[in-house]
N, C-alpha and C. Protein backbone atom coordinates (compact mmCIF):
# COMPACT_ATOMS: atom_id res chain seq x y z
N MET A 1 99.71 93.70 71.73
CA MET A 1 99.51 94.66 71.08
C MET A 1 97.76 94.91 71.13
N GLY A 2 97.31 96.22 71.51
CA GLY A 2 96.32 95.87 71.61
C GLY A 2 95.33 96.12 72.67
N ASP A 3 94.37 95.49 73.66
CA ASP A 3 93.59 95.92 74.99
C ASP A 3 93.09 94.49 75.45
N THR A 4 92.95 94.75 76.97
CA THR A 4 92.39 93.48 77.39
C THR A 4 91.68 93.92 78.44
N ILE A 5 90.55 93.67 78.38
CA ILE A 5 89.43 94.39 79.06
C ILE A 5 89.16 93.57 80.16
N GLU A 6 89.52 93.60 81.55
CA GLU A 6 89.13 92.58 83.09
C GLU A 6 88.56 93.42 83.90
N PRO A 7 87.06 92.77 83.90
CA PRO A 7 86.08 93.32 85.15
C PRO A 7 86.64 93.54 86.04
N LEU A 8 86.55 94.18 87.25
CA LEU A 8 87.14 94.28 88.42
C LEU A 8 86.05 93.56 89.81
N ASN A 9 87.19 92.89 89.78
CA ASN A 9 86.19 91.94 90.75
C ASN A 9 85.55 92.44 92.07
N ASN A 10 84.63 91.55 92.51
CA ASN A 10 83.57 92.23 93.78
C ASN A 10 84.25 93.43 94.71
N ILE A 11 85.28 92.59 95.53
CA ILE A 11 86.43 93.62 96.32
C ILE A 11 86.73 94.92 95.61
N ARG A 12 86.99 94.77 94.72
CA ARG A 12 88.17 96.40 93.84
C ARG A 12 86.32 96.86 93.63
N ARG A 13 85.35 96.74 93.00
CA ARG A 13 84.38 97.21 93.10
C ARG A 13 83.86 97.73 94.45
N ARG A 14 83.93 96.97 95.81
CA ARG A 14 83.53 97.68 97.04
C ARG A 14 84.37 98.68 97.53
N THR A 15 86.00 98.42 97.08
CA THR A 15 86.78 99.31 97.61
C THR A 15 86.53 100.43 97.16
N ALA A 16 86.35 100.37 95.30
CA ALA A 16 86.20 101.93 94.39
C ALA A 16 85.24 102.53 95.35
N GLU A 17 84.28 102.10 95.51
CA GLU A 17 82.78 102.56 95.74
C GLU A 17 83.31 103.30 97.03
N HIS A 18 84.05 102.81 98.14
CA HIS A 18 84.27 103.31 99.87
C HIS A 18 85.00 104.34 99.37
N MET A 19 86.36 103.96 98.49
CA MET A 19 86.54 105.48 98.68
C MET A 19 86.37 106.88 97.56
N LEU A 20 85.67 106.41 97.10
CA LEU A 20 84.73 107.79 96.26
C LEU A 20 83.82 107.84 97.08
N MET A 21 83.22 107.17 98.10
CA MET A 21 82.23 108.16 98.92
C MET A 21 83.05 108.62 100.11
N SER A 22 84.42 108.36 100.36
CA SER A 22 84.60 109.17 101.49
C SER A 22 85.36 109.97 100.63
N LYS A 23 85.64 110.48 99.62
CA LYS A 23 86.28 111.71 99.10
C LYS A 23 85.42 112.80 98.88
N ALA A 24 84.20 112.10 98.84
CA ALA A 24 83.00 113.21 98.37
C ALA A 24 82.25 113.79 99.27
N VAL A 25 82.66 112.77 100.70
CA VAL A 25 81.74 113.48 101.93
C VAL A 25 83.10 114.06 102.62
N SER A 26 84.02 113.74 103.00
CA SER A 26 85.08 114.18 103.69
C SER A 26 86.24 115.11 103.32
N PRO A 27 86.27 116.68 103.09
CA PRO A 27 87.11 117.52 103.47
C PRO A 27 88.55 117.06 103.59
N HIS A 28 89.55 116.06 102.76
CA HIS A 28 90.87 115.31 103.12
C HIS A 28 91.54 116.95 103.61
N ALA A 29 92.61 116.20 104.29
CA ALA A 29 93.56 117.19 104.74
C ALA A 29 94.76 116.44 105.14
N ILE A 30 95.87 116.73 105.24
CA ILE A 30 97.10 115.79 105.41
C ILE A 30 97.87 116.35 106.27
N THR A 31 98.98 115.71 107.46
CA THR A 31 100.06 116.23 107.77
C THR A 31 100.67 115.16 107.85
N ALA A 32 102.47 115.65 108.12
CA ALA A 32 103.10 114.50 107.97
C ALA A 32 104.12 115.11 108.91
N VAL A 33 105.17 113.51 109.53
CA VAL A 33 106.28 114.11 110.50
C VAL A 33 107.45 112.74 110.05
N ASP A 34 108.39 112.95 110.37
CA ASP A 34 109.53 112.33 109.96
C ASP A 34 109.62 112.24 111.60
N VAL A 35 109.73 110.72 111.93
CA VAL A 35 110.28 109.87 112.60
C VAL A 35 111.55 109.05 112.78
N ASP A 36 112.61 109.48 113.77
CA ASP A 36 114.01 108.97 114.15
C ASP A 36 112.65 107.20 114.39
N TYR A 37 113.76 105.92 114.10
CA TYR A 37 113.31 105.33 114.75
C TYR A 37 114.37 104.38 115.36
N GLU A 38 115.55 104.84 116.12
CA GLU A 38 116.63 104.43 116.58
C GLU A 38 116.24 103.89 117.29
N ASN A 39 115.56 105.05 118.40
CA ASN A 39 114.87 103.91 119.54
C ASN A 39 114.56 103.23 119.84
N VAL A 40 113.72 102.58 118.91
CA VAL A 40 112.81 101.74 118.36
C VAL A 40 113.98 99.91 117.83
N GLU A 41 115.21 101.07 117.46
CA GLU A 41 115.83 99.51 116.86
C GLU A 41 116.51 99.15 117.88
N ARG A 42 116.68 100.18 118.41
CA ARG A 42 117.92 99.55 120.46
C ARG A 42 117.15 98.56 121.15
N ALA A 43 115.77 98.55 121.00
CA ALA A 43 115.45 98.00 122.09
C ALA A 43 114.73 96.29 120.57
N ARG A 44 114.62 96.19 119.47
CA ARG A 44 114.39 95.64 118.47
C ARG A 44 115.05 94.72 118.18
N ARG A 45 116.69 95.63 117.98
CA ARG A 45 117.70 94.52 117.19
C ARG A 45 118.46 93.67 117.87
N PRO A 46 118.12 93.69 119.50
CA PRO A 46 118.41 92.00 120.38
C PRO A 46 117.68 91.18 120.11
N LEU A 47 116.33 91.36 120.15
CA LEU A 47 114.97 90.32 120.53
C LEU A 47 114.48 90.11 118.71
N ARG A 48 115.38 90.42 118.07
CA ARG A 48 114.43 89.99 116.81
C ARG A 48 114.51 88.57 115.97
N GLU A 49 115.56 87.95 116.20
CA GLU A 49 115.67 86.13 115.88
C GLU A 49 115.03 85.63 117.56
N GLN A 50 114.67 86.19 118.51
CA GLN A 50 114.11 85.20 120.18
C GLN A 50 112.63 85.51 119.36
N PHE A 51 112.52 87.20 118.78
CA PHE A 51 110.98 87.38 119.23
C PHE A 51 110.23 86.70 118.20
N HIS A 52 110.95 86.43 117.24
CA HIS A 52 110.51 85.33 115.52
C HIS A 52 110.27 83.94 116.24
N ASP A 53 111.72 83.16 117.37
CA ASP A 53 111.51 82.05 117.32
C ASP A 53 110.20 82.13 118.60
N ASP A 54 109.61 82.77 119.52
CA ASP A 54 108.77 82.38 120.08
C ASP A 54 107.64 82.81 119.26
N GLU A 55 107.28 84.02 118.50
CA GLU A 55 105.58 83.94 117.80
C GLU A 55 105.76 83.62 116.60
N GLY A 56 106.64 83.21 115.89
CA GLY A 56 106.44 82.52 114.40
C GLY A 56 106.53 83.67 113.31
N PHE A 57 106.67 84.79 113.55
CA PHE A 57 106.69 85.57 112.44
C PHE A 57 107.82 87.12 113.44
N SER A 58 108.12 87.77 111.71
CA SER A 58 109.26 89.12 112.37
C SER A 58 108.84 90.49 113.22
N LEU A 59 109.29 90.86 114.04
CA LEU A 59 108.92 92.14 114.56
C LEU A 59 109.18 93.14 113.73
N THR A 60 108.52 93.73 113.32
CA THR A 60 107.85 94.76 112.17
C THR A 60 107.84 95.95 113.20
N TYR A 61 108.18 97.57 112.34
CA TYR A 61 108.12 98.50 112.73
C TYR A 61 106.26 99.18 113.34
N LEU A 62 105.70 98.27 112.22
CA LEU A 62 103.88 98.04 112.60
C LEU A 62 103.75 98.16 113.96
N PRO A 63 104.08 97.04 114.90
CA PRO A 63 103.69 96.85 116.43
C PRO A 63 103.99 98.43 116.97
N PHE A 64 105.21 98.57 116.94
CA PHE A 64 105.40 99.83 117.70
C PHE A 64 104.25 101.16 117.47
N ILE A 65 104.50 101.32 115.89
CA ILE A 65 103.51 102.51 115.92
C ILE A 65 102.28 102.41 116.05
N SER A 66 101.47 101.43 116.24
CA SER A 66 100.25 101.25 116.24
C SER A 66 100.36 101.56 118.11
N ARG A 67 101.64 101.02 118.87
CA ARG A 67 101.05 101.30 119.99
C ARG A 67 101.05 102.20 120.66
N ALA A 68 102.07 103.52 119.59
CA ALA A 68 102.83 104.48 119.86
C ALA A 68 101.20 105.43 119.42
N VAL A 69 100.39 104.89 118.21
CA VAL A 69 98.97 105.67 117.81
C VAL A 69 98.33 105.18 118.95
N VAL A 70 98.01 103.98 119.36
CA VAL A 70 97.04 104.05 120.70
C VAL A 70 97.16 104.85 121.95
N ASP A 71 98.30 104.92 122.11
CA ASP A 71 98.33 105.86 123.39
C ASP A 71 98.37 107.64 123.10
N ALA A 72 98.56 107.75 121.58
CA ALA A 72 98.35 109.50 121.08
C ALA A 72 96.98 109.34 121.25
N LEU A 73 96.31 108.60 120.83
CA LEU A 73 94.40 108.75 121.29
C LEU A 73 93.98 109.10 121.97
N ALA A 74 94.55 108.56 122.92
CA ALA A 74 93.78 109.00 124.49
C ALA A 74 94.17 110.58 124.40
N ASP A 75 95.53 111.11 124.42
CA ASP A 75 95.85 112.16 124.75
C ASP A 75 94.81 113.51 123.54
N PHE A 76 94.29 113.25 122.39
CA PHE A 76 93.89 113.84 121.70
C PHE A 76 92.56 112.89 120.92
N PRO A 77 91.17 112.52 121.90
CA PRO A 77 90.31 111.40 121.85
C PRO A 77 89.27 111.94 119.99
N HIS A 78 89.27 113.47 119.82
CA HIS A 78 88.70 113.66 119.19
C HIS A 78 89.02 112.79 117.62
N MET A 79 90.49 112.79 117.49
CA MET A 79 91.22 111.64 116.19
C MET A 79 90.78 110.55 116.32
N ASN A 80 89.90 109.85 117.52
CA ASN A 80 89.51 108.63 117.99
C ASN A 80 88.13 108.66 117.45
N ALA A 81 87.41 109.17 116.19
CA ALA A 81 85.98 109.83 116.65
C ALA A 81 85.61 109.26 114.86
N SER A 82 84.03 109.16 115.23
CA SER A 82 83.07 109.19 113.63
C SER A 82 82.61 110.52 113.93
N VAL A 83 82.59 110.66 111.99
CA VAL A 83 81.85 111.64 111.82
C VAL A 83 80.64 111.50 111.15
N GLY A 84 79.16 112.01 112.08
CA GLY A 84 77.93 112.29 112.04
C GLY A 84 77.37 113.37 111.09
N GLU A 85 75.79 113.34 111.08
CA GLU A 85 75.68 114.09 110.74
C GLU A 85 75.44 115.49 111.31
N GLY A 86 76.08 116.72 111.00
CA GLY A 86 76.28 117.69 112.83
C GLY A 86 76.61 117.22 113.60
N GLU A 87 77.44 116.33 113.65
CA GLU A 87 78.28 115.82 115.29
C GLU A 87 79.06 114.54 115.39
N LEU A 88 80.02 114.91 116.18
CA LEU A 88 81.30 114.04 116.47
C LEU A 88 81.25 112.98 117.43
N ILE A 89 81.60 111.96 116.85
CA ILE A 89 80.82 110.82 118.30
C ILE A 89 82.42 110.04 118.78
N VAL A 90 83.14 111.04 119.70
CA VAL A 90 83.88 110.36 120.26
C VAL A 90 83.83 108.84 121.19
N HIS A 91 84.68 108.21 120.41
CA HIS A 91 84.77 107.00 121.41
C HIS A 91 86.17 107.00 122.28
N HIS A 92 85.68 105.66 123.01
CA HIS A 92 86.38 106.11 124.50
C HIS A 92 86.70 104.83 124.77
N TYR A 93 87.62 103.79 123.60
CA TYR A 93 88.18 102.66 123.30
C TYR A 93 88.84 103.14 121.93
N VAL A 94 89.52 102.57 121.40
CA VAL A 94 90.24 102.17 120.80
C VAL A 94 90.34 101.32 119.69
N ASN A 95 89.58 100.56 119.00
CA ASN A 95 89.42 99.33 118.09
C ASN A 95 90.28 100.16 116.82
N LEU A 96 91.48 99.57 116.45
CA LEU A 96 92.32 99.59 115.32
C LEU A 96 92.53 98.66 114.24
N SER A 97 91.76 99.84 112.96
CA SER A 97 91.81 98.71 111.80
C SER A 97 93.19 98.96 111.14
N ILE A 98 93.70 97.54 110.32
CA ILE A 98 94.76 98.18 109.83
C ILE A 98 94.93 96.99 108.53
N ALA A 99 94.87 98.43 107.35
CA ALA A 99 94.86 97.49 105.99
C ALA A 99 95.71 97.09 105.40
N VAL A 100 95.17 95.82 105.23
CA VAL A 100 95.30 94.73 104.16
C VAL A 100 95.49 94.41 103.02
N ASP A 101 96.37 95.00 102.38
CA ASP A 101 96.35 94.87 100.70
C ASP A 101 96.47 92.49 100.24
N LEU A 102 95.25 92.98 99.59
CA LEU A 102 94.82 91.68 99.07
C LEU A 102 96.17 90.64 97.88
N GLU A 103 96.91 90.93 97.55
CA GLU A 103 97.77 90.32 96.43
C GLU A 103 97.32 91.14 95.26
N PHE A 104 97.20 92.63 95.56
CA PHE A 104 96.83 93.70 95.03
C PHE A 104 95.43 93.29 94.08
N GLN A 105 94.71 92.37 94.95
CA GLN A 105 93.12 92.89 94.35
C GLN A 105 92.38 93.82 95.08
N GLY A 106 92.64 94.24 95.83
CA GLY A 106 91.56 94.98 96.81
C GLY A 106 92.29 95.22 98.22
N LEU A 107 91.85 95.59 99.27
CA LEU A 107 91.90 96.25 100.37
C LEU A 107 91.14 95.14 101.21
N LEU A 108 91.00 94.65 102.72
CA LEU A 108 90.20 94.88 103.74
C LEU A 108 91.25 95.67 104.81
N ALA A 109 90.33 95.91 105.32
CA ALA A 109 90.79 96.72 106.83
C ALA A 109 90.09 95.76 107.99
N PRO A 110 90.76 94.97 108.62
CA PRO A 110 90.10 94.07 110.01
C PRO A 110 90.43 94.42 110.91
N VAL A 111 89.85 94.47 111.75
CA VAL A 111 89.50 95.48 113.40
C VAL A 111 90.95 94.96 114.17
N VAL A 112 92.08 95.47 115.08
CA VAL A 112 92.47 94.48 116.79
C VAL A 112 91.66 95.84 117.38
N LYS A 113 90.94 94.38 118.09
CA LYS A 113 89.58 94.99 118.83
C LYS A 113 89.94 95.20 120.65
N GLY A 114 89.78 96.00 121.23
CA GLY A 114 89.91 96.88 122.33
C GLY A 114 92.00 97.08 122.13
N ALA A 115 92.37 97.43 120.94
CA ALA A 115 93.71 97.90 121.04
C ALA A 115 94.42 98.59 122.24
N ASP A 116 93.59 99.52 123.06
CA ASP A 116 93.85 100.52 124.02
C ASP A 116 94.08 99.40 125.52
N GLY A 117 93.77 98.16 125.24
CA GLY A 117 94.03 97.54 126.43
C GLY A 117 95.22 96.43 126.38
N LYS A 118 95.96 96.94 125.20
CA LYS A 118 96.77 95.83 124.64
C LYS A 118 98.31 96.01 124.36
N ARG A 119 99.15 95.12 124.94
CA ARG A 119 100.66 96.12 124.70
C ARG A 119 100.97 95.83 123.34
N LEU A 120 102.19 96.39 122.95
CA LEU A 120 103.08 95.34 121.76
C LEU A 120 102.54 94.18 121.61
N ARG A 121 103.87 93.62 122.18
CA ARG A 121 103.54 92.14 121.73
C ARG A 121 102.16 91.66 121.46
N ALA A 122 101.32 91.95 122.04
CA ALA A 122 99.74 91.11 121.92
C ALA A 122 98.85 91.82 120.64
N ILE A 123 99.34 93.11 120.25
CA ILE A 123 98.67 93.78 119.24
C ILE A 123 99.63 92.84 118.06
N ALA A 124 100.79 93.25 118.05
CA ALA A 124 101.61 92.43 117.47
C ALA A 124 100.97 91.29 116.93
N ARG A 125 100.67 90.03 117.86
CA ARG A 125 100.14 88.92 117.53
C ARG A 125 98.92 88.91 116.70
N ASP A 126 97.34 89.82 116.85
CA ASP A 126 96.48 90.30 116.32
C ASP A 126 96.27 90.57 115.42
N ILE A 127 97.81 91.51 114.95
CA ILE A 127 98.35 92.16 113.87
C ILE A 127 98.46 91.13 112.71
N HIS A 128 99.70 90.13 113.30
CA HIS A 128 99.80 89.70 112.18
C HIS A 128 98.73 88.27 111.82
N ASP A 129 97.71 88.03 112.67
CA ASP A 129 96.61 86.97 113.00
C ASP A 129 95.92 88.05 111.37
N LEU A 130 94.95 88.96 111.93
CA LEU A 130 94.34 89.33 111.05
C LEU A 130 95.13 89.27 109.59
N ALA A 131 95.74 90.06 109.22
CA ALA A 131 96.89 90.09 108.08
C ALA A 131 96.76 88.47 107.81
N GLY A 132 96.77 87.66 108.37
CA GLY A 132 96.88 86.27 107.90
C GLY A 132 95.18 85.75 107.14
N ARG A 133 94.85 85.70 108.16
CA ARG A 133 93.04 85.55 107.86
C ARG A 133 92.64 85.77 106.51
N ALA A 134 93.03 87.54 106.28
CA ALA A 134 92.58 88.20 105.30
C ALA A 134 93.12 87.66 104.21
N ARG A 135 94.30 87.28 104.31
CA ARG A 135 94.98 86.95 102.96
C ARG A 135 94.21 85.57 102.63
N SER A 136 93.91 84.58 103.51
CA SER A 136 93.19 83.62 103.03
C SER A 136 92.11 83.23 103.07
N LYS A 137 91.26 84.44 103.09
CA LYS A 137 90.03 85.13 103.03
C LYS A 137 89.46 84.23 104.14
N LYS A 138 89.75 84.20 105.35
CA LYS A 138 89.03 83.51 106.90
C LYS A 138 88.58 84.44 107.82
N LEU A 139 88.37 85.82 107.31
CA LEU A 139 87.63 86.50 108.47
C LEU A 139 86.21 86.40 108.60
N ALA A 140 85.94 86.76 109.46
CA ALA A 140 84.48 86.81 109.94
C ALA A 140 84.14 88.46 109.94
N PRO A 141 82.88 88.58 109.93
CA PRO A 141 82.22 90.08 109.48
C PRO A 141 82.37 90.64 110.74
N ASP A 142 82.54 90.10 112.04
CA ASP A 142 82.97 91.24 113.06
C ASP A 142 84.29 91.37 113.06
N ASP A 143 85.45 90.53 112.54
CA ASP A 143 86.27 91.21 112.10
C ASP A 143 86.70 92.41 111.58
N LEU A 144 85.12 92.96 110.35
CA LEU A 144 86.41 93.72 109.60
C LEU A 144 84.81 95.65 109.93
N SER A 145 84.56 94.52 111.59
CA SER A 145 83.54 96.29 111.87
C SER A 145 83.97 96.69 113.16
N GLY A 146 83.67 98.06 113.13
CA GLY A 146 83.55 98.57 114.69
C GLY A 146 85.11 99.27 114.74
N GLY A 147 86.01 99.33 113.48
CA GLY A 147 87.24 100.11 113.71
C GLY A 147 86.82 101.75 114.08
N THR A 148 87.79 102.50 115.12
CA THR A 148 88.07 103.79 115.10
C THR A 148 88.86 104.50 114.91
N PHE A 149 90.15 104.15 114.03
CA PHE A 149 91.26 104.79 113.45
C PHE A 149 91.96 103.78 112.61
N THR A 150 92.36 104.19 111.34
CA THR A 150 92.80 102.87 110.98
C THR A 150 94.70 103.61 110.54
N LEU A 151 95.24 102.53 110.44
CA LEU A 151 96.46 102.50 109.95
C LEU A 151 96.46 101.39 108.82
N SER A 152 97.61 102.28 107.53
CA SER A 152 97.75 101.90 106.25
C SER A 152 99.59 101.08 106.08
N ASN A 153 99.94 100.69 106.21
CA ASN A 153 101.61 100.05 105.72
C ASN A 153 101.71 99.81 104.64
N SER A 154 102.20 100.72 104.25
CA SER A 154 102.94 100.22 102.57
C SER A 154 104.58 100.53 102.75
N GLY A 155 105.18 100.53 103.90
CA GLY A 155 106.61 100.27 104.46
C GLY A 155 107.18 99.39 103.84
N SER A 156 106.74 98.37 103.49
CA SER A 156 107.78 97.33 103.09
C SER A 156 108.40 97.48 101.53
N PHE A 157 107.60 98.41 100.87
CA PHE A 157 107.76 98.72 99.42
C PHE A 157 108.29 99.85 99.18
N GLY A 158 109.11 100.79 100.90
CA GLY A 158 110.13 101.69 100.54
C GLY A 158 109.26 103.10 99.95
N THR A 159 108.20 103.17 100.28
CA THR A 159 107.50 104.31 100.18
C THR A 159 108.27 105.83 100.68
N PHE A 160 108.22 106.92 100.04
CA PHE A 160 108.35 107.98 100.80
C PHE A 160 106.92 108.79 101.39
N MET A 161 105.68 108.86 100.55
CA MET A 161 104.79 109.40 101.76
C MET A 161 103.79 108.96 100.71
N VAL A 162 103.00 108.33 101.22
CA VAL A 162 101.87 107.90 100.77
C VAL A 162 100.30 108.65 101.81
N VAL A 163 99.41 109.10 100.72
CA VAL A 163 98.32 109.89 101.46
C VAL A 163 97.30 109.03 101.37
N PRO A 164 96.87 108.58 102.51
CA PRO A 164 95.60 107.50 102.60
C PRO A 164 94.20 108.40 102.11
N ILE A 165 93.50 107.67 102.13
CA ILE A 165 91.80 108.01 102.10
C ILE A 165 91.68 107.59 103.16
N ILE A 166 90.72 108.45 103.76
CA ILE A 166 90.09 108.71 105.33
C ILE A 166 89.30 106.95 104.89
N ASN A 167 88.95 105.97 106.24
CA ASN A 167 88.45 104.68 106.40
C ASN A 167 86.83 105.60 106.74
N GLN A 168 85.63 105.76 106.18
CA GLN A 168 84.68 106.50 106.72
C GLN A 168 83.68 105.15 107.70
N PRO A 169 83.17 105.95 108.49
CA PRO A 169 83.18 107.37 109.42
C PRO A 169 84.42 107.58 110.00
N GLN A 170 85.24 106.84 109.89
CA GLN A 170 86.50 107.82 111.15
C GLN A 170 86.69 109.31 110.88
N ALA A 171 87.64 109.45 111.41
CA ALA A 171 88.40 111.13 111.43
C ALA A 171 89.57 111.26 110.58
N GLY A 172 90.48 109.96 110.49
CA GLY A 172 92.03 109.95 110.41
C GLY A 172 91.97 108.39 110.20
N ILE A 173 93.24 108.38 109.12
CA ILE A 173 93.72 107.61 109.06
C ILE A 173 95.38 107.70 108.70
N LEU A 174 96.05 107.26 109.36
CA LEU A 174 97.72 106.94 109.12
C LEU A 174 98.67 105.68 108.42
N SER A 175 99.46 107.06 107.33
CA SER A 175 99.95 105.59 106.37
C SER A 175 101.63 105.78 107.39
N VAL A 176 101.83 104.48 107.11
CA VAL A 176 103.74 104.02 107.97
C VAL A 176 104.20 104.53 105.95
N ASP A 177 105.34 105.31 106.30
CA ASP A 177 105.59 104.74 105.12
C ASP A 177 107.65 104.32 105.65
N GLY A 178 108.16 103.84 104.31
CA GLY A 178 109.20 103.26 104.49
C GLY A 178 110.34 103.53 105.34
N VAL A 179 111.20 103.09 105.75
CA VAL A 179 112.82 103.34 106.55
C VAL A 179 113.46 102.97 106.30
N LYS A 180 114.42 104.24 106.12
CA LYS A 180 115.75 103.97 105.84
C LYS A 180 116.83 104.20 106.58
N ARG A 181 117.85 103.86 106.10
CA ARG A 181 119.26 104.34 107.19
C ARG A 181 119.54 106.04 106.55
N ARG A 182 119.22 106.63 107.37
CA ARG A 182 119.86 108.18 106.86
C ARG A 182 120.89 108.76 108.22
N PRO A 183 121.98 109.85 107.49
CA PRO A 183 122.66 110.80 108.24
C PRO A 183 121.43 111.55 109.28
N VAL A 184 121.41 112.25 110.11
CA VAL A 184 120.37 112.47 111.25
C VAL A 184 121.61 113.69 112.60
N VAL A 185 121.37 114.51 112.72
CA VAL A 185 122.11 115.18 113.80
C VAL A 185 121.72 114.66 114.92
N VAL A 186 122.21 114.46 115.95
CA VAL A 186 122.27 114.39 117.19
C VAL A 186 122.94 115.54 118.29
N VAL A 187 122.33 115.31 119.22
CA VAL A 187 122.28 116.57 120.22
C VAL A 187 123.43 115.05 121.54
N LEU A 188 124.43 115.61 121.92
CA LEU A 188 125.25 114.75 122.66
C LEU A 188 124.89 115.25 123.93
N PRO A 189 125.69 114.55 124.75
CA PRO A 189 125.28 114.60 126.55
C PRO A 189 125.94 115.84 126.64
N ASP A 190 126.73 116.40 125.92
CA ASP A 190 127.47 117.74 126.60
C ASP A 190 126.73 119.30 125.65
N GLY A 191 125.70 118.85 125.49
CA GLY A 191 124.80 119.59 124.17
C GLY A 191 125.39 120.33 122.55
N SER A 192 126.17 119.17 122.37
CA SER A 192 127.70 119.79 120.83
C SER A 192 126.05 118.88 120.34
N GLU A 193 126.69 118.69 118.98
CA GLU A 193 125.83 118.56 118.13
C GLU A 193 126.69 117.50 117.44
N SER A 194 126.09 116.21 116.04
CA SER A 194 126.83 115.54 115.61
C SER A 194 125.97 115.09 114.66
N ILE A 195 126.67 113.93 113.55
CA ILE A 195 126.27 113.53 112.56
C ILE A 195 125.95 111.84 112.67
N ALA A 196 125.01 110.87 112.84
CA ALA A 196 124.79 109.52 112.99
C ALA A 196 123.81 109.02 111.99
N ILE A 197 124.04 107.77 111.83
CA ILE A 197 123.25 106.95 110.94
C ILE A 197 121.87 106.29 111.65
N HIS A 198 120.85 107.07 111.52
CA HIS A 198 119.86 106.59 111.86
C HIS A 198 118.82 105.67 111.11
N SER A 199 117.66 104.62 111.80
CA SER A 199 116.42 104.29 110.70
C SER A 199 115.45 105.43 110.92
N VAL A 200 115.02 106.45 109.91
CA VAL A 200 114.36 107.11 109.32
C VAL A 200 113.46 107.30 108.26
N GLY A 201 111.89 107.54 108.68
CA GLY A 201 110.87 106.91 107.68
C GLY A 201 109.70 108.36 108.33
N ASN A 202 108.70 108.67 107.25
CA ASN A 202 107.59 109.32 107.71
C ASN A 202 106.28 108.90 107.71
N LEU A 203 105.27 109.49 108.37
CA LEU A 203 104.32 109.40 108.71
C LEU A 203 103.68 109.99 108.36
N THR A 204 102.27 109.77 107.74
CA THR A 204 101.64 110.87 106.63
C THR A 204 99.99 110.38 107.28
N LEU A 205 99.59 111.26 107.80
CA LEU A 205 97.85 111.26 108.18
C LEU A 205 96.84 112.41 107.50
N SER A 206 96.15 111.40 106.90
CA SER A 206 95.18 112.12 106.75
C SER A 206 93.90 112.14 107.45
N TRP A 207 93.40 113.31 107.47
CA TRP A 207 92.12 113.66 108.61
C TRP A 207 91.04 114.53 108.08
N ASP A 208 89.83 114.19 108.64
CA ASP A 208 88.49 114.94 108.01
C ASP A 208 88.65 116.28 108.50
N HIS A 209 88.56 117.79 107.67
CA HIS A 209 88.66 118.91 108.45
C HIS A 209 87.66 119.16 109.09
N ARG A 210 86.11 118.73 108.69
CA ARG A 210 85.15 118.56 109.69
C ARG A 210 85.67 118.78 111.32
N ALA A 211 86.11 117.36 111.55
CA ALA A 211 86.08 117.29 112.68
C ALA A 211 87.18 118.16 113.85
N PHE A 212 88.59 118.43 113.42
CA PHE A 212 89.28 119.54 114.10
C PHE A 212 90.08 120.35 112.65
N ASP A 213 90.74 121.15 113.50
CA ASP A 213 91.89 121.53 111.99
C ASP A 213 92.94 121.38 112.38
N GLY A 214 93.99 121.83 111.72
CA GLY A 214 95.37 121.53 111.67
C GLY A 214 96.42 121.88 112.98
N ALA A 215 96.21 122.82 113.65
CA ALA A 215 96.72 122.64 115.10
C ALA A 215 96.61 121.17 116.04
N TYR A 216 95.53 120.64 115.58
CA TYR A 216 94.95 119.38 116.38
C TYR A 216 95.67 118.20 115.80
N ALA A 217 95.52 118.37 114.40
CA ALA A 217 96.22 117.30 113.61
C ALA A 217 98.08 117.11 113.73
N ALA A 218 98.37 118.14 113.75
CA ALA A 218 99.79 118.48 113.72
C ALA A 218 100.34 118.22 115.39
N ALA A 219 99.46 118.09 116.61
CA ALA A 219 99.63 118.15 117.80
C ALA A 219 99.53 116.66 118.41
N PHE A 220 98.98 116.06 117.76
CA PHE A 220 98.91 114.45 118.07
C PHE A 220 99.43 113.85 116.82
N MET A 221 100.20 114.16 115.68
CA MET A 221 101.36 113.46 115.24
C MET A 221 102.61 114.42 115.69
N ALA A 222 102.87 115.01 116.52
CA ALA A 222 103.73 115.22 117.29
C ALA A 222 104.09 114.31 118.50
N ARG A 223 103.01 114.31 119.10
CA ARG A 223 102.42 113.14 120.30
C ARG A 223 103.43 111.93 119.37
N VAL A 224 102.18 111.20 118.46
CA VAL A 224 102.96 109.89 118.08
C VAL A 224 104.28 110.04 117.76
N LYS A 225 104.94 110.89 117.21
CA LYS A 225 106.20 110.69 116.72
C LYS A 225 107.49 110.87 118.28
N GLU A 226 106.77 111.61 118.69
CA GLU A 226 107.38 111.87 120.66
C GLU A 226 107.30 110.39 121.13
N ILE A 227 106.12 109.95 121.26
CA ILE A 227 106.60 108.47 121.70
C ILE A 227 107.46 107.53 121.18
N ILE A 228 106.91 107.14 120.16
CA ILE A 228 108.29 106.38 119.07
C ILE A 228 109.88 106.67 119.34
N GLU A 229 109.82 107.48 119.72
CA GLU A 229 111.43 108.10 119.46
C GLU A 229 111.97 108.37 121.02
N THR A 230 111.10 108.31 121.83
CA THR A 230 111.28 108.10 123.30
C THR A 230 110.75 107.46 124.72
N ARG A 231 109.99 106.43 124.09
CA ARG A 231 109.67 105.31 125.02
C ARG A 231 110.55 104.29 125.13
N ASP A 232 110.56 103.54 126.18
CA ASP A 232 111.73 102.64 126.67
C ASP A 232 110.91 101.44 125.99
N TRP A 233 111.27 101.05 125.08
CA TRP A 233 110.61 100.27 124.34
C TRP A 233 110.97 98.44 124.81
N THR A 234 112.09 98.40 125.43
CA THR A 234 112.18 97.02 125.84
C THR A 234 111.50 96.43 127.12
N THR A 235 110.19 97.13 127.93
CA THR A 235 110.17 97.28 129.14
C THR A 235 107.85 96.83 128.38
N GLU A 236 108.43 97.38 126.84
CA GLU A 236 107.06 96.27 126.50
C GLU A 236 107.24 94.92 125.53
N LEU A 237 108.54 94.95 125.36
CA LEU A 237 109.22 93.28 124.87
C LEU A 237 109.12 92.35 125.77
């Protein structure tokens, strides 16, 4: 019975300040799509054990999504931008911030530098390395600077839809939600339709309405979805 007073730790206070500032300065809007990951599964399933043996960590959906986002940003450069005073600063490189939970004590967003020059396996290594160093408090200041777009991953908890707060001064942040086996309609080679069981999950984009409008955000998300669902991922692995 009664109350316990727990002072906010330093990272919790700094996270709170950053989130409050973001909501105050950015008119947040969201766009969500459902994604069929069966194409990813076809590449991932046969290589999961070998990948773990080679790299020392598991091959999750996040590197595939990261790789798709990087390529989609090339097609939609205003998404890969920072919002300034009356201006949009468009970045011609991708530094991908990855939000990392610190055992429920706060968040850090270390940065995969030069992600646009890396293939899937290299991105997976960088994400694993940065997340591990974030949780063991071994990040350098440079690891947290220079991000141009952010991914937030709650999918391991089976979330349906998380609406993240923009990582200022970036123009967008993408939430990766839980992937589950679900019945879907598939088109057969003869044009007829059938029901199959695929791995499906949501991606949710929070974006700054000062930077662009809903059609641009929707087109970006459609491109991310298309890449995930149609790319030959075996060539990346």
